[in-house]
C-alpha atoms as a PDB file:
ATOM      1  CA  MET A   1      97.433  86.006  88.225  1.00  0.00           C
ATOM      2  CA  CYS A   2      99.561  84.805  91.127  1.00  0.00           C
ATOM      3  CA  LEU A   3     102.512  86.978  91.998  1.00  0.00           C
ATOM      4  CA  PHE A   4     105.811  85.347  92.944  1.00  0.00           C
ATOM      5  CA  ALA A   5     104.480  81.892  92.089  1.00  0.00           C
ATOM      6  CA  ALA A   6     107.062  79.229  91.291  1.00  0.00           C
ATOM      7  CA  GLY A   7     108.162  79.557  87.695  1.00  0.00           C
ATOM      8  CA  ALA A   8     106.615  83.023  87.413  1.00  0.00           C
ATOM      9  CA  GLY A   9     109.767  85.058  87.981  1.00  0.00           C
ATOM     10  CA  ALA A  10     110.079  84.732  91.741  1.00  0.00           C
ATOM     11  CA  ARG A  11     113.619  85.270  92.954  1.00  0.00           C
ATOM     12  CA  PRO A  12     115.280  85.973  96.292  1.00  0.00           C
ATOM     13  CA  GLY A  13     116.812  89.355  97.029  1.00  0.00           C
ATOM     14  CA  LEU A  14     114.099  91.611  95.578  1.00  0.00           C
ATOM     15  CA  THR A  15     114.227  95.170  96.874  1.00  0.00           C
ATOM     16  CA  ALA A  16     111.568  96.300  99.310  1.00  0.00           C
ATOM     17  CA  ALA A  17     110.119  98.603  96.639  1.00  0.00           C
ATOM     18  CA  GLU A  18     109.919  95.741  94.120  1.00  0.00           C
ATOM     19  CA  ILE A  19     108.217  93.492  96.667  1.00  0.00           C
ATOM     20  CA  ALA A  20     105.694  96.200  97.556  1.00  0.00           C
ATOM     21  CA  ASP A  21     104.956  97.058  93.937  1.00  0.00           C
ATOM     22  CA  LYS A  22     104.348  93.429  92.959  1.00  0.00           C
ATOM     23  CA  ALA A  23     102.249  92.496  95.985  1.00  0.00           C
ATOM     24  CA  ARG A  24     100.258  95.710  96.441  1.00  0.00           C
ATOM     25  CA  PRO A  25      97.548  94.868  93.835  1.00  0.00           C
ATOM     26  CA  ALA A  26      96.540  91.897  96.020  1.00  0.00           C
ATOM     27  CA  VAL A  27      96.369  93.896  99.282  1.00  0.00           C
ATOM     28  CA  VAL A  28      92.836  94.998 100.153  1.00  0.00           C
ATOM     29  CA  SER A  29      91.101  97.466 102.429  1.00  0.00           C
ATOM     30  CA  ILE A  30      88.327  96.032 104.586  1.00  0.00           C
ATOM     31  CA  SER A  31      85.526  97.858 106.367  1.00  0.00           C
ATOM     32  CA  ALA A  32      82.872  96.180 108.473  1.00  0.00           C
ATOM     33  CA  ASP A  33      79.689  97.414 110.142  1.00  0.00           C
ATOM     34  CA  THR A  34      79.529  96.232 113.760  1.00  0.00           C
ATOM     35  CA  ALA A  35      77.473  97.069 116.829  1.00  0.00           C
ATOM     36  CA  ALA A  36      80.389  99.204 118.047  1.00  0.00           C
ATOM     37  CA  GLY A  37      80.644 101.119 114.781  1.00  0.00           C
ATOM     38  CA  GLU A  38      82.812 100.768 111.693  1.00  0.00           C
ATOM     39  CA  SER A  39      85.809  98.456 111.889  1.00  0.00           C
ATOM     40  CA  ILE A  40      88.603  98.871 109.348  1.00  0.00           C
ATOM     41  CA  GLY A  41      91.580  96.738 108.468  1.00  0.00           C
ATOM     42  CA  SER A  42      93.604  95.165 105.711  1.00  0.00           C
ATOM     43  CA  GLY A  43      93.834  91.773 104.059  1.00  0.00           C
ATOM     44  CA  PHE A  44      95.294  90.050 101.024  1.00  0.00           C
ATOM     45  CA  ILE A  45      94.030  87.865  98.196  1.00  0.00           C
ATOM     46  CA  VAL A  46      95.586  84.409  97.900  1.00  0.00           C
ATOM     47  CA  ASP A  47      93.964  83.075  94.730  1.00  0.00           C
ATOM     48  CA  PRO A  48      92.392  84.476  91.541  1.00  0.00           C
ATOM     49  CA  LEU A  49      88.886  83.534  92.708  1.00  0.00           C
ATOM     50  CA  GLY A  50      89.014  86.003  95.598  1.00  0.00           C
ATOM     51  CA  THR A  51      89.967  84.130  98.758  1.00  0.00           C
ATOM     52  CA  VAL A  52      91.051  86.785 101.265  1.00  0.00           C
ATOM     53  CA  VAL A  53      93.031  86.379 104.489  1.00  0.00           C
ATOM     54  CA  THR A  54      92.528  88.959 107.256  1.00  0.00           C
ATOM     55  CA  ASN A  55      92.141  89.262 111.033  1.00  0.00           C
ATOM     56  CA  LEU A  56      89.061  87.938 112.776  1.00  0.00           C
ATOM     57  CA  HIS A  57      88.777  91.056 114.954  1.00  0.00           C
ATOM     58  CA  VAL A  58      88.351  93.184 111.814  1.00  0.00           C
ATOM     59  CA  VAL A  59      85.137  91.386 110.789  1.00  0.00           C
ATOM     60  CA  GLU A  60      83.937  89.789 114.044  1.00  0.00           C
ATOM     61  CA  GLY A  61      80.272  90.479 114.704  1.00  0.00           C
ATOM     62  CA  ALA A  62      79.878  92.348 111.408  1.00  0.00           C
ATOM     63  CA  THR A  63      76.471  92.780 109.817  1.00  0.00           C
ATOM     64  CA  ALA A  64      78.096  93.859 106.525  1.00  0.00           C
ATOM     65  CA  VAL A  65      81.625  93.619 105.135  1.00  0.00           C
ATOM     66  CA  ARG A  66      83.097  95.598 102.233  1.00  0.00           C
ATOM     67  CA  VAL A  67      86.397  94.893 100.476  1.00  0.00           C
ATOM     68  CA  LYS A  68      88.208  97.297  98.172  1.00  0.00           C
ATOM     69  CA  LEU A  69      91.184  96.416  95.969  1.00  0.00           C
ATOM     70  CA  ALA A  70      94.072  98.761  95.203  1.00  0.00           C
ATOM     71  CA  SER A  71      92.685  99.053  91.659  1.00  0.00           C
ATOM     72  CA  GLY A  72      89.510 100.618  93.046  1.00  0.00           C
ATOM     73  CA  LEU A  73      87.377  97.533  92.414  1.00  0.00           C
ATOM     74  CA  ALA A  74      85.041  97.071  95.392  1.00  0.00           C
ATOM     75  CA  TYR A  75      82.919  94.199  96.689  1.00  0.00           C
ATOM     76  CA  ASP A  76      79.885  94.799  98.901  1.00  0.00           C
ATOM     77  CA  HIS A  77      78.826  91.153  99.139  1.00  0.00           C
ATOM     78  CA  VAL A  78      81.523  89.350 101.093  1.00  0.00           C
ATOM     79  CA  ARG A  79      81.175  85.990 102.815  1.00  0.00           C
ATOM     80  CA  VAL A  80      83.112  84.891 105.883  1.00  0.00           C
ATOM     81  CA  ARG A  81      84.198  81.336 105.066  1.00  0.00           C
ATOM     82  CA  ALA A  82      86.210  80.352 108.164  1.00  0.00           C
ATOM     83  CA  VAL A  83      87.439  81.889 111.413  1.00  0.00           C
ATOM     84  CA  ASP A  84      89.891  80.972 114.169  1.00  0.00           C
ATOM     85  CA  ASP A  85      89.632  82.907 117.417  1.00  0.00           C
ATOM     86  CA  ARG A  86      92.946  81.622 118.787  1.00  0.00           C
ATOM     87  CA  THR A  87      94.994  82.928 115.845  1.00  0.00           C
ATOM     88  CA  ASP A  88      92.759  85.963 115.140  1.00  0.00           C
ATOM     89  CA  LEU A  89      92.386  84.852 111.523  1.00  0.00           C
ATOM     90  CA  ALA A  90      89.421  84.964 109.154  1.00  0.00           C
ATOM     91  CA  ILE A  91      89.008  83.764 105.576  1.00  0.00           C
ATOM     92  CA  LEU A  92      86.708  85.842 103.365  1.00  0.00           C
ATOM     93  CA  GLN A  93      85.344  85.075  99.921  1.00  0.00           C
ATOM     94  CA  LEU A  94      84.802  87.583  97.149  1.00  0.00           C
ATOM     95  CA  ALA A  95      82.679  86.788  94.089  1.00  0.00           C
ATOM     96  CA  GLY A  96      85.620  87.376  91.781  1.00  0.00           C
ATOM     97  CA  PHE A  97      87.784  85.792  89.113  1.00  0.00           C
ATOM     98  CA  GLY A  98      91.150  86.650  87.611  1.00  0.00           C
ATOM     99  CA  LEU A  99      92.050  88.717  90.661  1.00  0.00           C
ATOM    100  CA  PRO A 100      95.651  89.577  91.620  1.00  0.00           C
ATOM    101  CA  SER A 101      97.036  87.355  94.356  1.00  0.00           C
ATOM    102  CA  VAL A 102     100.142  86.738  96.416  1.00  0.00           C
ATOM    103  CA  ALA A 103     101.801  83.383  96.989  1.00  0.00           C
ATOM    104  CA  LEU A 104     102.275  81.945 100.461  1.00  0.00           C
ATOM    105  CA  GLY A 105     105.692  81.112 101.853  1.00  0.00           C
ATOM    106  CA  ASP A 106     106.799  78.797 104.664  1.00  0.00           C
ATOM    107  CA  SER A 107     106.795  80.572 108.021  1.00  0.00           C
ATOM    108  CA  ASP A 108     108.660  77.645 109.596  1.00  0.00           C
ATOM    109  CA  SER A 109     111.751  78.737 107.660  1.00  0.00           C
ATOM    110  CA  LEU A 110     111.883  82.183 109.333  1.00  0.00           C
ATOM    111  CA  ARG A 111     114.813  83.079 111.583  1.00  0.00           C
ATOM    112  CA  PRO A 112     115.509  86.116 113.783  1.00  0.00           C
ATOM    113  CA  GLY A 113     117.293  88.719 111.688  1.00  0.00           C
ATOM    114  CA  ASP A 114     115.470  87.887 108.440  1.00  0.00           C
ATOM    115  CA  ARG A 115     114.429  91.027 106.581  1.00  0.00           C
ATOM    116  CA  VAL A 116     110.707  91.477 105.929  1.00  0.00           C
ATOM    117  CA  VAL A 117     108.276  93.887 104.260  1.00  0.00           C
ATOM    118  CA  LEU A 118     104.909  94.766 105.791  1.00  0.00           C
ATOM    119  CA  LEU A 119     102.029  95.991 103.612  1.00  0.00           C
ATOM    120  CA  GLY A 120      98.692  97.408 104.678  1.00  0.00           C
ATOM    121  CA  ASN A 121      96.387 100.394 104.702  1.00  0.00           C
ATOM    122  CA  PRO A 122      97.336 102.404 107.797  1.00  0.00           C
ATOM    123  CA  ARG A 123      94.495 104.526 109.156  1.00  0.00           C
ATOM    124  CA  GLY A 124      92.480 103.679 106.063  1.00  0.00           C
ATOM    125  CA  ARG A 125      95.047 105.138 103.638  1.00  0.00           C
ATOM    126  CA  GLU A 126      95.899 102.678 100.897  1.00  0.00           C
ATOM    127  CA  GLY A 127      99.369 101.624  99.825  1.00  0.00           C
ATOM    128  CA  GLY A 128     101.292 101.622 103.099  1.00  0.00           C
ATOM    129  CA  ALA A 129     104.607  99.756 103.212  1.00  0.00           C
ATOM    130  CA  SER A 130     107.381  99.442 105.779  1.00  0.00           C
ATOM    131  CA  THR A 131     110.505  97.343 106.156  1.00  0.00           C
ATOM    132  CA  GLY A 132     112.152  95.711 109.124  1.00  0.00           C
ATOM    133  CA  MET A 133     113.316  92.395 110.390  1.00  0.00           C
ATOM    134  CA  VAL A 134     112.145  89.442 112.403  1.00  0.00           C
ATOM    135  CA  ARG A 135     113.171  90.311 115.947  1.00  0.00           C
ATOM    136  CA  ARG A 136     112.291  86.948 117.395  1.00  0.00           C
ATOM    137  CA  LEU A 137     109.904  84.032 117.201  1.00  0.00           C
ATOM    138  CA  ARG A 138     108.064  83.736 120.481  1.00  0.00           C
ATOM    139  CA  THR A 139     105.176  81.989 122.168  1.00  0.00           C
ATOM    140  CA  THR A 140     102.290  83.974 123.641  1.00  0.00           C
ATOM    141  CA  GLU A 141     100.632  83.348 126.987  1.00  0.00           C
ATOM    142  CA  THR A 142      98.045  81.229 125.171  1.00  0.00           C
ATOM    143  CA  GLY A 143     100.703  79.000 123.619  1.00  0.00           C
ATOM    144  CA  LEU A 144     100.500  80.471 120.118  1.00  0.00           C
ATOM    145  CA  LYS A 145     103.780  80.882 118.251  1.00  0.00           C
ATOM    146  CA  VAL A 146     104.036  84.348 116.675  1.00  0.00           C
ATOM    147  CA  ILE A 147     106.479  86.466 114.693  1.00  0.00           C
ATOM    148  CA  GLU A 148     107.719  89.635 116.361  1.00  0.00           C
ATOM    149  CA  THR A 149     108.875  92.292 113.891  1.00  0.00           C
ATOM    150  CA  ASP A 150     110.166  95.848 114.128  1.00  0.00           C
ATOM    151  CA  ALA A 151     108.531  96.855 110.817  1.00  0.00           C
ATOM    152  CA  ARG A 152     106.363  99.917 111.423  1.00  0.00           C
ATOM    153  CA  ALA A 153     102.636  99.287 111.569  1.00  0.00           C
ATOM    154  CA  ASP A 154      99.706 101.605 112.298  1.00  0.00           C
ATOM    155  CA  TRP A 155      96.022 101.136 113.012  1.00  0.00           C
ATOM    156  CA  GLY A 156      94.256  99.999 109.852  1.00  0.00           C
ATOM    157  CA  SER A 157      97.093  97.722 108.759  1.00  0.00           C
ATOM    158  CA  SER A 158      95.890  94.833 110.900  1.00  0.00           C
ATOM    159  CA  GLY A 159      95.377  91.818 108.643  1.00  0.00           C
ATOM    160  CA  GLY A 160      98.031  92.956 106.183  1.00  0.00           C
ATOM    161  CA  PRO A 161     100.694  90.595 104.838  1.00  0.00           C
ATOM    162  CA  LEU A 162     104.241  90.252 106.149  1.00  0.00           C
ATOM    163  CA  LEU A 163     106.453  89.239 103.217  1.00  0.00           C
ATOM    164  CA  ALA A 164     109.889  87.675 102.987  1.00  0.00           C
ATOM    165  CA  LEU A 165     112.447  88.957 100.494  1.00  0.00           C
ATOM    166  CA  ASP A 166     111.325  86.406  97.905  1.00  0.00           C
ATOM    167  CA  GLY A 167     107.944  88.178  97.854  1.00  0.00           C
ATOM    168  CA  ARG A 168     105.989  85.391  99.539  1.00  0.00           C
ATOM    169  CA  VAL A 169     103.716  85.973 102.527  1.00  0.00           C
ATOM    170  CA  VAL A 170     105.109  84.583 105.780  1.00  0.00           C
ATOM    171  CA  GLY A 171     102.803  86.228 108.306  1.00  0.00           C
ATOM    172  CA  VAL A 172      99.567  88.133 108.976  1.00  0.00           C
ATOM    173  CA  LEU A 173      99.822  91.265 111.112  1.00  0.00           C
ATOM    174  CA  SER A 174      97.547  91.355 114.152  1.00  0.00           C
ATOM    175  CA  PHE A 175      97.164  94.032 116.822  1.00  0.00           C
ATOM    176  CA  LYS A 176      94.844  91.957 119.010  1.00  0.00           C
ATOM    177  CA  LEU A 177      96.451  88.572 119.542  1.00  0.00           C
ATOM    178  CA  LYS A 178      95.440  87.130 122.893  1.00  0.00           C
ATOM    179  CA  GLY A 179      98.496  86.842 125.102  1.00  0.00           C
ATOM    180  CA  ALA A 180     100.608  89.193 122.980  1.00  0.00           C
ATOM    181  CA  ARG A 181     100.627  92.454 124.908  1.00  0.00           C
ATOM    182  CA  ARG A 182     102.480  94.576 122.372  1.00  0.00           C
ATOM    183  CA  SER A 183     101.721  95.421 118.769  1.00  0.00           C
ATOM    184  CA  LYS A 184     103.610  94.356 115.671  1.00  0.00           C
ATOM    185  CA  PHE A 185     103.140  90.645 115.974  1.00  0.00           C
ATOM    186  CA  ALA A 186     102.274  88.518 112.991  1.00  0.00           C
ATOM    187  CA  VAL A 187     100.555  85.154 112.899  1.00  0.00           C
ATOM    188  CA  PRO A 188     102.694  82.638 110.968  1.00  0.00           C
ATOM    189  CA  ILE A 189     101.223  82.050 107.528  1.00  0.00           C
ATOM    190  CA  ASN A 190     101.254  78.291 108.038  1.00  0.00           C
ATOM    191  CA  HIS A 191      98.319  78.770 110.443  1.00  0.00           C
ATOM    192  CA  ALA A 192      96.420  80.565 107.676  1.00  0.00           C
ATOM    193  CA  ARG A 193      97.221  77.741 105.248  1.00  0.00           C
ATOM    194  CA  ARG A 194      95.322  75.316 107.472  1.00  0.00           C
ATOM    195  CA  LEU A 195      92.359  77.680 107.796  1.00  0.00           C
ATOM    196  CA  ILE A 196      92.269  78.256 104.027  1.00  0.00           C
ATOM    197  CA  SER A 197      92.234  74.496 103.451  1.00  0.00           C
ATOM    198  CA  SER A 198      89.406  74.147 105.962  1.00  0.00           C
ATOM    199  CA  ALA A 199      87.380  76.874 104.223  1.00  0.00           C
ATOM    200  CA  ARG A 200      87.856  75.279 100.813  1.00  0.00           C
ATOM    201  CA  ALA A 201      86.820  71.874 102.133  1.00  0.00           C
ATOM    202  CA  SER A 202      83.605  73.160 103.693  1.00  0.00           C
ATOM    203  CA  PRO A 203      80.359  73.574 101.711  1.00  0.00           C
ATOM    204  CA  LYS A 204      80.087  76.953 100.019  1.00  0.00           C
END
């Protein structure tokens, strides 16, 4: 099922609790085995077949990746379908079907002052949610446009979705964007849209 999809009950002005409750089933915990040890982060499913958006730094150099859904369902065989070092994004693929998913919004429509909800799994604890606003839209030292938010975020939430008040994802939290020296920046979801399209177009 796709939450907040057009014609499926999406409406502006949902409360933060309603947004979190509806989107949380599609938010996942990610752990990866790397040479430096275990890396943990968050991500979110964008279609019923198990396409997951997360941060590249969460899975970079991993020899094994595990993904766990809020329902407790876990996947030990996870493929990395596409990556983009500049935006710190990675697209993963689960061998699933009928999975909960969130719909993607249009990050180009964001304005400073817009209210947002951030979901993730801070410090490995599932179900984290915080609210805030878009403080500004800025450009990093590398020329990447990012979303700066004052929504609270802790280690382990990197890769989690930033949602607008209509429940659609408008950004992907990243703690390690090159050229962004402070935390709580999100990559605009329109960058992820392009990477998702690239992953789907490439041979499986």
